């Protein structure tokens, strides 16, 4: 019983960290990264699709994204979607591909991005703590139903806490790495 609760909690915590990694990848640093366009939705033939489903995104240079649509008719909608997005990037369209030049970040923009990063990090920590609470509630319910002893419940809660501490430390490490990347000039 305890092992089942622990493995389920660990799996959920890993998924929470993976979701946090994905969120962090959408924060624009000074480098070009195709993940920047993950949230950009293109209106194409009456439906909203992510850019990576209508075009190939490549990084030919550290500060340049190149978007090559599979259909030339998608150039205009992709360009409009990027302009409408909150990325603050100006696309240049040469008739075949769209180029996105990633400008250097200003000090003020870096601070804003760090605030956003801290918000994402805190949301990740809250998600992990909620998983811990859920696991502890499951252990307590097993104890009430006399499926496990009180000592086993306490041991299980200690193991859940160790699991939580490990994953919170991983979140902190991710935050430090991303913050260093943002502050890099």
N, C-alpha and C. Protein backbone atom coordinates (compact mmCIF):
# COMPACT_ATOMS: atom_id res chain seq x y z
N UNK A 1 0.82 -1.20 0.00
CA UNK A 1 0.00 0.00 0.00
C UNK A 1 0.86 1.26 0.00
N UNK A 2 1.83 1.31 0.91
CA UNK A 2 2.68 2.49 1.03
C UNK A 2 3.49 2.69 -0.25
N UNK A 3 4.03 1.56 -0.77
CA UNK A 3 4.83 1.65 -1.99
C UNK A 3 4.01 2.18 -3.16
N UNK A 4 2.75 1.78 -3.21
CA UNK A 4 1.86 2.24 -4.28
C UNK A 4 1.65 3.75 -4.17
N UNK A 5 1.38 4.23 -2.96
CA UNK A 5 1.17 5.67 -2.74
C UNK A 5 2.44 6.44 -3.09
N UNK A 6 3.60 5.92 -2.67
CA UNK A 6 4.88 6.59 -2.94
C UNK A 6 5.19 6.64 -4.43
N UNK A 7 5.00 5.52 -5.11
CA UNK A 7 5.32 5.50 -6.55
C UNK A 7 4.37 6.42 -7.32
N UNK A 8 3.11 6.45 -6.91
CA UNK A 8 2.14 7.34 -7.57
C UNK A 8 2.51 8.80 -7.33
N UNK A 9 2.90 9.12 -6.08
CA UNK A 9 3.28 10.50 -5.75
C UNK A 9 4.54 10.90 -6.52
N UNK A 10 5.51 9.99 -6.60
CA UNK A 10 6.75 10.30 -7.31
C UNK A 10 6.49 10.54 -8.80
N UNK A 11 5.63 9.72 -9.37
CA UNK A 11 5.30 9.87 -10.78
C UNK A 11 4.64 11.22 -11.04
N UNK A 12 3.71 11.62 -10.15
CA UNK A 12 3.03 12.90 -10.32
C UNK A 12 4.00 14.06 -10.14
N UNK A 13 4.94 13.93 -9.18
CA UNK A 13 5.92 14.99 -8.95
C UNK A 13 6.84 15.15 -10.16
N UNK A 14 7.21 14.03 -10.77
CA UNK A 14 8.06 14.09 -11.97
C UNK A 14 7.32 14.79 -13.10
N UNK A 15 6.01 14.51 -13.22
CA UNK A 15 5.21 15.16 -14.26
C UNK A 15 5.10 16.67 -13.99
N UNK A 16 4.99 17.04 -12.71
CA UNK A 16 4.92 18.46 -12.35
C UNK A 16 6.21 19.16 -12.72
N UNK A 17 7.34 18.50 -12.49
CA UNK A 17 8.64 19.09 -12.83
C UNK A 17 8.78 19.19 -14.35
N UNK A 18 8.31 18.18 -15.06
CA UNK A 18 8.38 18.22 -16.53
C UNK A 18 7.53 19.37 -17.06
N UNK A 19 6.35 19.58 -16.47
CA UNK A 19 5.50 20.70 -16.88
C UNK A 19 6.20 22.03 -16.60
N UNK A 20 6.89 22.12 -15.46
CA UNK A 20 7.62 23.33 -15.11
C UNK A 20 8.75 23.56 -16.11
N UNK A 21 9.46 22.49 -16.49
CA UNK A 21 10.53 22.62 -17.49
C UNK A 21 9.98 23.19 -18.80
N UNK A 22 8.81 22.69 -19.18
CA UNK A 22 8.19 23.16 -20.41
C UNK A 22 7.83 24.65 -20.29
N UNK A 23 7.25 25.04 -19.16
CA UNK A 23 6.90 26.44 -18.94
C UNK A 23 8.14 27.32 -19.00
N UNK A 24 9.22 26.84 -18.37
CA UNK A 24 10.46 27.62 -18.35
C UNK A 24 11.05 27.75 -19.75
N UNK A 25 10.86 26.76 -20.58
CA UNK A 25 11.43 26.81 -21.93
C UNK A 25 10.77 27.88 -22.78
N UNK A 26 9.57 28.31 -22.40
CA UNK A 26 8.88 29.34 -23.17
C UNK A 26 9.31 30.75 -22.77
N UNK A 27 10.09 30.86 -21.69
CA UNK A 27 10.59 32.18 -21.29
C UNK A 27 11.74 32.54 -22.21
N UNK A 28 11.65 33.68 -22.83
CA UNK A 28 12.64 34.09 -23.82
C UNK A 28 13.93 34.54 -23.14
N UNK A 29 15.00 33.88 -23.46
CA UNK A 29 16.31 34.32 -23.01
C UNK A 29 16.96 35.03 -24.18
N UNK A 30 18.21 35.33 -24.11
CA UNK A 30 18.87 36.01 -25.21
C UNK A 30 19.16 35.11 -26.40
N UNK A 31 18.86 33.81 -26.26
CA UNK A 31 19.16 32.85 -27.33
C UNK A 31 17.88 32.44 -28.06
N UNK A 32 18.06 32.04 -29.30
CA UNK A 32 16.94 31.53 -30.09
C UNK A 32 16.64 30.10 -29.66
N UNK A 33 15.37 29.81 -29.46
CA UNK A 33 14.94 28.48 -29.05
C UNK A 33 13.57 28.22 -29.68
N UNK A 34 13.42 27.13 -30.43
CA UNK A 34 12.12 26.85 -31.08
C UNK A 34 10.96 26.77 -30.09
N UNK A 35 11.24 26.47 -28.83
CA UNK A 35 10.17 26.39 -27.82
C UNK A 35 9.51 27.74 -27.57
N UNK A 36 10.17 28.83 -27.98
CA UNK A 36 9.56 30.16 -27.82
C UNK A 36 8.22 30.25 -28.54
N UNK A 37 8.09 29.50 -29.63
CA UNK A 37 6.88 29.58 -30.46
C UNK A 37 5.82 28.55 -30.09
N UNK A 38 6.04 27.79 -29.02
CA UNK A 38 5.09 26.74 -28.63
C UNK A 38 3.69 27.28 -28.36
N UNK A 39 3.60 28.47 -27.82
CA UNK A 39 2.29 29.02 -27.46
C UNK A 39 1.63 29.81 -28.59
N UNK A 40 2.36 30.06 -29.65
CA UNK A 40 1.82 30.86 -30.76
C UNK A 40 0.88 29.99 -31.59
N UNK A 41 -0.35 30.44 -31.71
CA UNK A 41 -1.38 29.72 -32.48
C UNK A 41 -1.62 30.43 -33.81
N UNK A 42 -1.58 29.69 -34.89
CA UNK A 42 -1.78 30.24 -36.24
C UNK A 42 -3.19 29.90 -36.71
N UNK A 43 -3.91 30.92 -37.18
CA UNK A 43 -5.22 30.69 -37.80
C UNK A 43 -4.98 30.19 -39.21
N UNK A 44 -5.23 28.93 -39.45
CA UNK A 44 -4.91 28.34 -40.74
C UNK A 44 -6.06 27.44 -41.19
N UNK A 45 -6.67 27.79 -42.28
CA UNK A 45 -7.83 27.08 -42.82
C UNK A 45 -8.92 26.88 -41.76
N UNK A 46 -9.21 27.94 -41.03
CA UNK A 46 -10.32 27.93 -40.09
C UNK A 46 -10.05 27.28 -38.74
N UNK A 47 -8.83 26.86 -38.47
CA UNK A 47 -8.54 26.29 -37.15
C UNK A 47 -7.23 26.87 -36.61
N UNK A 48 -7.12 26.91 -35.30
CA UNK A 48 -5.92 27.43 -34.66
C UNK A 48 -4.96 26.28 -34.42
N UNK A 49 -3.77 26.39 -34.99
CA UNK A 49 -2.76 25.35 -34.87
C UNK A 49 -1.47 25.96 -34.34
N UNK A 50 -0.69 25.19 -33.58
CA UNK A 50 0.63 25.68 -33.17
C UNK A 50 1.52 25.85 -34.41
N UNK A 51 2.46 26.77 -34.32
CA UNK A 51 3.35 27.06 -35.46
C UNK A 51 4.08 25.80 -35.91
N UNK A 52 4.52 24.97 -34.95
CA UNK A 52 5.30 23.78 -35.33
C UNK A 52 4.48 22.72 -36.07
N UNK A 53 3.15 22.93 -36.20
CA UNK A 53 2.33 22.00 -36.97
C UNK A 53 2.08 22.48 -38.39
N UNK A 54 2.51 23.70 -38.70
CA UNK A 54 2.33 24.21 -40.06
C UNK A 54 3.67 24.60 -40.69
N UNK A 55 4.76 24.48 -39.91
CA UNK A 55 6.07 24.90 -40.43
C UNK A 55 7.19 24.19 -39.70
N UNK A 56 8.36 24.23 -40.33
CA UNK A 56 9.57 23.72 -39.70
C UNK A 56 10.29 24.91 -39.06
N UNK A 57 10.69 24.75 -37.81
CA UNK A 57 11.38 25.83 -37.10
C UNK A 57 12.83 25.39 -36.90
N UNK A 58 13.76 26.21 -37.37
CA UNK A 58 15.18 25.88 -37.20
C UNK A 58 15.92 27.06 -36.57
N UNK A 59 17.11 26.76 -36.06
CA UNK A 59 17.95 27.78 -35.42
C UNK A 59 19.29 27.81 -36.16
N UNK A 60 19.38 28.58 -37.25
CA UNK A 60 20.63 28.63 -38.02
C UNK A 60 21.75 29.38 -37.29
N UNK A 61 21.40 30.34 -36.43
CA UNK A 61 22.36 31.11 -35.66
C UNK A 61 21.84 31.23 -34.24
N UNK A 62 22.71 31.54 -33.26
CA UNK A 62 22.26 31.62 -31.87
C UNK A 62 21.15 32.63 -31.60
N UNK A 63 21.06 33.68 -32.42
CA UNK A 63 20.05 34.71 -32.20
C UNK A 63 19.03 34.80 -33.34
N UNK A 64 18.82 33.70 -34.05
CA UNK A 64 17.91 33.74 -35.19
C UNK A 64 17.09 32.45 -35.26
N UNK A 65 15.77 32.63 -35.39
CA UNK A 65 14.86 31.51 -35.65
C UNK A 65 14.41 31.63 -37.10
N UNK A 66 14.38 30.50 -37.80
CA UNK A 66 13.90 30.51 -39.17
C UNK A 66 12.70 29.57 -39.25
N UNK A 67 11.59 30.11 -39.76
CA UNK A 67 10.35 29.37 -39.86
C UNK A 67 10.05 29.14 -41.33
N UNK A 68 10.06 27.87 -41.75
CA UNK A 68 9.80 27.53 -43.15
C UNK A 68 8.47 26.78 -43.22
N UNK A 69 7.39 27.47 -43.64
CA UNK A 69 6.09 26.80 -43.72
C UNK A 69 6.07 25.74 -44.81
N UNK A 70 5.27 24.69 -44.57
CA UNK A 70 5.14 23.62 -45.55
C UNK A 70 4.31 24.08 -46.74
N UNK A 71 3.45 25.08 -46.50
CA UNK A 71 2.61 25.64 -47.55
C UNK A 71 2.86 27.15 -47.57
N UNK A 72 3.23 27.69 -48.72
CA UNK A 72 3.56 29.12 -48.82
C UNK A 72 2.38 30.01 -48.40
N UNK A 73 1.16 29.49 -48.51
CA UNK A 73 -0.01 30.25 -48.10
C UNK A 73 -0.07 30.50 -46.61
N UNK A 74 0.75 29.79 -45.84
CA UNK A 74 0.75 29.95 -44.39
C UNK A 74 1.67 31.07 -43.92
N UNK A 75 2.47 31.64 -44.82
CA UNK A 75 3.41 32.70 -44.43
C UNK A 75 2.71 33.87 -43.74
N UNK A 76 1.66 34.38 -44.37
CA UNK A 76 0.92 35.52 -43.81
C UNK A 76 0.32 35.23 -42.45
N UNK A 77 -0.46 34.12 -42.32
CA UNK A 77 -1.04 33.81 -41.02
C UNK A 77 0.01 33.60 -39.91
N UNK A 78 1.14 32.97 -40.26
CA UNK A 78 2.19 32.75 -39.26
C UNK A 78 2.76 34.10 -38.81
N UNK A 79 3.01 34.97 -39.78
CA UNK A 79 3.56 36.29 -39.47
C UNK A 79 2.61 37.07 -38.58
N UNK A 80 1.32 37.06 -38.91
CA UNK A 80 0.32 37.77 -38.09
C UNK A 80 0.25 37.19 -36.68
N UNK A 81 0.32 35.86 -36.57
CA UNK A 81 0.24 35.22 -35.25
C UNK A 81 1.43 35.61 -34.38
N UNK A 82 2.61 35.71 -34.97
CA UNK A 82 3.80 36.10 -34.21
C UNK A 82 3.69 37.55 -33.77
N UNK A 83 3.19 38.41 -34.66
CA UNK A 83 3.03 39.83 -34.30
C UNK A 83 2.01 39.97 -33.17
N UNK A 84 0.91 39.21 -33.22
CA UNK A 84 -0.13 39.28 -32.19
C UNK A 84 0.31 38.68 -30.86
N UNK A 85 1.28 37.77 -30.88
CA UNK A 85 1.72 37.11 -29.65
C UNK A 85 2.41 38.11 -28.73
N UNK A 86 2.63 37.71 -27.48
CA UNK A 86 3.27 38.59 -26.50
C UNK A 86 4.79 38.44 -26.49
N UNK A 87 5.36 37.90 -27.56
CA UNK A 87 6.80 37.67 -27.61
C UNK A 87 7.60 38.96 -27.81
N UNK A 88 6.99 39.94 -28.44
CA UNK A 88 7.69 41.19 -28.69
C UNK A 88 8.75 41.06 -29.78
N UNK A 89 8.54 40.14 -30.72
CA UNK A 89 9.49 39.93 -31.81
C UNK A 89 8.87 40.39 -33.13
N UNK A 90 9.71 40.95 -34.01
CA UNK A 90 9.24 41.39 -35.32
C UNK A 90 9.72 40.42 -36.39
N UNK A 91 8.79 39.71 -37.02
CA UNK A 91 9.18 38.77 -38.07
C UNK A 91 9.52 39.48 -39.38
N UNK A 92 10.48 38.92 -40.11
CA UNK A 92 10.77 39.42 -41.46
C UNK A 92 10.47 38.29 -42.44
N UNK A 93 9.66 38.62 -43.42
CA UNK A 93 9.16 37.65 -44.38
C UNK A 93 9.82 37.92 -45.73
N UNK A 94 10.53 36.92 -46.28
CA UNK A 94 11.16 37.12 -47.59
C UNK A 94 10.42 36.40 -48.72
N UNK A 95 9.21 35.92 -48.45
CA UNK A 95 8.43 35.23 -49.47
C UNK A 95 8.58 33.72 -49.41
N UNK A 96 9.64 33.22 -48.79
CA UNK A 96 9.86 31.77 -48.64
C UNK A 96 9.88 31.35 -47.17
N UNK A 97 10.57 32.11 -46.36
CA UNK A 97 10.69 31.80 -44.93
C UNK A 97 10.48 33.07 -44.11
N UNK A 98 10.22 32.86 -42.82
CA UNK A 98 10.10 33.97 -41.87
C UNK A 98 11.31 33.89 -40.95
N UNK A 99 11.97 35.00 -40.79
CA UNK A 99 13.12 35.05 -39.88
C UNK A 99 12.74 35.87 -38.66
N UNK A 100 13.08 35.34 -37.49
CA UNK A 100 12.85 36.05 -36.23
C UNK A 100 14.20 36.31 -35.60
N UNK A 101 14.58 37.55 -35.53
CA UNK A 101 15.83 37.93 -34.90
C UNK A 101 15.56 38.15 -33.41
N UNK A 102 16.31 37.48 -32.58
CA UNK A 102 16.13 37.58 -31.13
C UNK A 102 17.05 38.69 -30.62
N UNK A 103 16.48 39.80 -30.15
CA UNK A 103 17.33 40.91 -29.68
C UNK A 103 17.93 40.59 -28.31
N UNK A 104 18.99 41.32 -27.99
CA UNK A 104 19.57 41.21 -26.65
C UNK A 104 18.55 41.72 -25.65
N UNK A 105 18.54 41.14 -24.46
CA UNK A 105 17.58 41.56 -23.44
C UNK A 105 18.11 42.77 -22.68
N UNK A 106 17.22 43.71 -22.40
CA UNK A 106 17.59 44.85 -21.57
C UNK A 106 17.56 44.41 -20.11
N UNK A 107 18.19 45.19 -19.25
CA UNK A 107 18.23 44.85 -17.82
C UNK A 107 16.82 44.80 -17.23
N UNK A 108 15.98 45.76 -17.64
CA UNK A 108 14.60 45.80 -17.15
C UNK A 108 13.83 44.56 -17.58
N UNK A 109 14.00 44.17 -18.85
CA UNK A 109 13.30 42.98 -19.36
C UNK A 109 13.79 41.73 -18.65
N UNK A 110 15.08 41.66 -18.35
CA UNK A 110 15.62 40.52 -17.60
C UNK A 110 14.94 40.40 -16.24
N UNK A 111 14.79 41.55 -15.56
CA UNK A 111 14.14 41.52 -14.24
C UNK A 111 12.69 41.05 -14.35
N UNK A 112 11.99 41.52 -15.39
CA UNK A 112 10.60 41.09 -15.60
C UNK A 112 10.54 39.58 -15.84
N UNK A 113 11.47 39.07 -16.66
CA UNK A 113 11.48 37.64 -16.95
C UNK A 113 11.81 36.82 -15.71
N UNK A 114 12.66 37.35 -14.85
CA UNK A 114 12.99 36.64 -13.60
C UNK A 114 11.76 36.59 -12.69
N UNK A 115 10.97 37.67 -12.68
CA UNK A 115 9.73 37.65 -11.90
C UNK A 115 8.78 36.57 -12.42
N UNK A 116 8.67 36.47 -13.74
CA UNK A 116 7.82 35.44 -14.35
C UNK A 116 8.36 34.06 -14.00
N UNK A 117 9.68 33.91 -14.06
CA UNK A 117 10.32 32.64 -13.71
C UNK A 117 10.01 32.25 -12.27
N UNK A 118 10.10 33.20 -11.36
CA UNK A 118 9.81 32.92 -9.94
C UNK A 118 8.35 32.52 -9.75
N UNK A 119 7.45 33.14 -10.52
CA UNK A 119 6.03 32.78 -10.44
C UNK A 119 5.84 31.33 -10.90
N UNK A 120 6.46 30.95 -12.02
CA UNK A 120 6.36 29.58 -12.50
C UNK A 120 6.94 28.60 -11.49
N UNK A 121 8.08 28.98 -10.90
CA UNK A 121 8.73 28.12 -9.92
C UNK A 121 7.83 27.89 -8.71
N UNK A 122 7.22 28.98 -8.24
CA UNK A 122 6.34 28.85 -7.08
C UNK A 122 5.13 27.98 -7.41
N UNK A 123 4.59 28.11 -8.62
CA UNK A 123 3.48 27.26 -9.03
C UNK A 123 3.90 25.79 -9.05
N UNK A 124 5.12 25.53 -9.50
CA UNK A 124 5.64 24.16 -9.50
C UNK A 124 5.77 23.60 -8.10
N UNK A 125 6.27 24.44 -7.18
CA UNK A 125 6.42 24.00 -5.78
C UNK A 125 5.05 23.73 -5.16
N UNK A 126 4.09 24.59 -5.47
CA UNK A 126 2.73 24.39 -4.94
C UNK A 126 2.15 23.08 -5.46
N UNK A 127 2.38 22.79 -6.74
CA UNK A 127 1.88 21.54 -7.31
C UNK A 127 2.49 20.34 -6.59
N UNK A 128 3.79 20.40 -6.31
CA UNK A 128 4.46 19.30 -5.62
C UNK A 128 3.93 19.17 -4.20
N UNK A 129 3.71 20.30 -3.51
CA UNK A 129 3.17 20.24 -2.14
C UNK A 129 1.75 19.68 -2.13
N UNK A 130 0.97 20.00 -3.17
CA UNK A 130 -0.39 19.44 -3.26
C UNK A 130 -0.34 17.92 -3.44
N UNK A 131 0.64 17.46 -4.21
CA UNK A 131 0.81 16.02 -4.40
C UNK A 131 1.18 15.37 -3.06
N UNK A 132 2.06 16.04 -2.30
CA UNK A 132 2.44 15.54 -0.97
C UNK A 132 1.21 15.44 -0.07
N UNK A 133 0.39 16.50 -0.06
CA UNK A 133 -0.80 16.50 0.78
C UNK A 133 -1.73 15.35 0.39
N UNK A 134 -1.92 15.16 -0.89
CA UNK A 134 -2.78 14.08 -1.39
C UNK A 134 -2.25 12.70 -0.96
N UNK A 135 -0.92 12.52 -1.07
CA UNK A 135 -0.32 11.24 -0.68
C UNK A 135 -0.48 11.00 0.82
N UNK A 136 -0.28 12.05 1.61
CA UNK A 136 -0.45 11.90 3.07
C UNK A 136 -1.90 11.59 3.43
N UNK A 137 -2.84 12.21 2.72
CA UNK A 137 -4.26 11.91 2.97
C UNK A 137 -4.57 10.46 2.63
N UNK A 138 -3.99 9.95 1.55
CA UNK A 138 -4.20 8.55 1.19
C UNK A 138 -3.66 7.63 2.27
N UNK A 139 -2.47 7.95 2.78
CA UNK A 139 -1.89 7.13 3.85
C UNK A 139 -2.77 7.15 5.10
N UNK A 140 -3.27 8.32 5.46
CA UNK A 140 -4.14 8.44 6.64
C UNK A 140 -5.44 7.66 6.45
N UNK A 141 -5.97 7.67 5.23
CA UNK A 141 -7.21 6.93 4.99
C UNK A 141 -6.96 5.42 5.09
N UNK A 142 -5.77 4.97 4.62
CA UNK A 142 -5.43 3.56 4.77
C UNK A 142 -5.29 3.19 6.25
N UNK A 143 -4.76 4.12 7.04
CA UNK A 143 -4.61 3.87 8.47
C UNK A 143 -5.99 3.79 9.14
N UNK A 144 -6.90 4.68 8.77
CA UNK A 144 -8.25 4.67 9.34
C UNK A 144 -8.99 3.38 9.01
N UNK A 145 -8.74 2.87 7.80
CA UNK A 145 -9.39 1.63 7.37
C UNK A 145 -8.65 0.40 7.87
N UNK A 146 -7.64 0.62 8.71
CA UNK A 146 -6.81 -0.45 9.31
C UNK A 146 -6.13 -1.33 8.27
N UNK A 147 -5.79 -0.73 7.13
CA UNK A 147 -5.04 -1.47 6.11
C UNK A 147 -3.54 -1.38 6.38
N UNK A 148 -3.13 -0.30 7.07
CA UNK A 148 -1.74 -0.18 7.51
C UNK A 148 -1.74 0.29 8.96
N UNK A 149 -0.62 0.05 9.66
CA UNK A 149 -0.53 0.45 11.07
C UNK A 149 -0.17 1.93 11.17
N UNK A 150 -0.29 2.46 12.38
CA UNK A 150 0.04 3.86 12.61
C UNK A 150 1.52 4.12 12.35
N UNK A 151 2.38 3.17 12.75
CA UNK A 151 3.82 3.31 12.51
C UNK A 151 4.12 3.32 11.01
N UNK A 152 3.44 2.43 10.27
CA UNK A 152 3.66 2.40 8.82
C UNK A 152 3.20 3.72 8.18
N UNK A 153 2.13 4.28 8.70
CA UNK A 153 1.61 5.56 8.18
C UNK A 153 2.66 6.66 8.41
N UNK A 154 3.22 6.69 9.62
CA UNK A 154 4.25 7.70 9.93
C UNK A 154 5.47 7.52 9.04
N UNK A 155 5.92 6.26 8.87
CA UNK A 155 7.07 6.00 8.01
C UNK A 155 6.78 6.43 6.57
N UNK A 156 5.58 6.13 6.13
CA UNK A 156 5.17 6.50 4.78
C UNK A 156 5.17 8.01 4.60
N UNK A 157 4.67 8.73 5.62
CA UNK A 157 4.65 10.19 5.54
C UNK A 157 6.07 10.76 5.52
N UNK A 158 6.97 10.14 6.26
CA UNK A 158 8.37 10.58 6.25
C UNK A 158 8.98 10.37 4.86
N UNK A 159 8.66 9.23 4.24
CA UNK A 159 9.18 8.96 2.89
C UNK A 159 8.59 9.94 1.87
N UNK A 160 7.31 10.26 2.03
CA UNK A 160 6.67 11.24 1.14
C UNK A 160 7.36 12.60 1.31
N UNK A 161 7.70 12.96 2.56
CA UNK A 161 8.38 14.24 2.80
C UNK A 161 9.76 14.25 2.15
N UNK A 162 10.49 13.12 2.24
CA UNK A 162 11.81 13.05 1.60
C UNK A 162 11.68 13.21 0.09
N UNK A 163 10.66 12.57 -0.47
CA UNK A 163 10.38 12.67 -1.91
C UNK A 163 10.09 14.12 -2.28
N UNK A 164 9.27 14.77 -1.46
CA UNK A 164 8.92 16.17 -1.69
C UNK A 164 10.15 17.06 -1.64
N UNK A 165 10.99 16.87 -0.61
CA UNK A 165 12.21 17.68 -0.47
C UNK A 165 13.11 17.51 -1.68
N UNK A 166 13.24 16.27 -2.16
CA UNK A 166 14.08 15.99 -3.32
C UNK A 166 13.58 16.74 -4.55
N UNK A 167 12.27 16.71 -4.78
CA UNK A 167 11.70 17.35 -5.97
C UNK A 167 11.69 18.87 -5.85
N UNK A 168 11.50 19.39 -4.63
CA UNK A 168 11.57 20.84 -4.43
C UNK A 168 13.00 21.33 -4.70
N UNK A 169 14.00 20.54 -4.28
CA UNK A 169 15.40 20.89 -4.55
C UNK A 169 15.66 20.90 -6.06
N UNK A 170 15.04 19.95 -6.77
CA UNK A 170 15.20 19.92 -8.23
C UNK A 170 14.58 21.16 -8.88
N UNK A 171 13.43 21.59 -8.37
CA UNK A 171 12.79 22.81 -8.86
C UNK A 171 13.70 24.01 -8.62
N UNK A 172 14.28 24.08 -7.41
CA UNK A 172 15.20 25.19 -7.10
C UNK A 172 16.40 25.19 -8.04
N UNK A 173 16.92 24.01 -8.34
CA UNK A 173 18.07 23.90 -9.25
C UNK A 173 17.69 24.38 -10.65
N UNK A 174 16.50 24.00 -11.11
CA UNK A 174 16.02 24.45 -12.42
C UNK A 174 15.90 25.98 -12.45
N UNK A 175 15.38 26.53 -11.36
CA UNK A 175 15.21 27.99 -11.28
C UNK A 175 16.57 28.68 -11.34
N UNK A 176 17.54 28.19 -10.57
CA UNK A 176 18.87 28.80 -10.55
C UNK A 176 19.51 28.76 -11.94
N UNK A 177 19.37 27.62 -12.62
CA UNK A 177 19.97 27.47 -13.95
C UNK A 177 19.32 28.44 -14.95
N UNK A 178 18.00 28.54 -14.92
CA UNK A 178 17.30 29.43 -15.85
C UNK A 178 17.61 30.90 -15.52
N UNK A 179 17.70 31.21 -14.22
CA UNK A 179 18.01 32.59 -13.82
C UNK A 179 19.42 32.96 -14.29
N UNK A 180 20.36 32.05 -14.16
CA UNK A 180 21.74 32.30 -14.65
C UNK A 180 21.72 32.51 -16.15
N UNK A 181 20.90 31.73 -16.85
CA UNK A 181 20.78 31.87 -18.31
C UNK A 181 20.19 33.24 -18.68
N UNK A 182 19.23 33.70 -17.89
CA UNK A 182 18.62 35.01 -18.15
C UNK A 182 19.58 36.15 -17.88
N UNK A 183 20.41 36.01 -16.84
CA UNK A 183 21.31 37.08 -16.47
C UNK A 183 22.58 37.12 -17.31
N UNK A 184 22.80 36.04 -18.08
CA UNK A 184 23.97 35.96 -18.95
C UNK A 184 23.88 37.05 -20.03
N UNK A 185 24.94 37.80 -20.18
CA UNK A 185 24.91 38.89 -21.17
C UNK A 185 25.58 38.45 -22.45
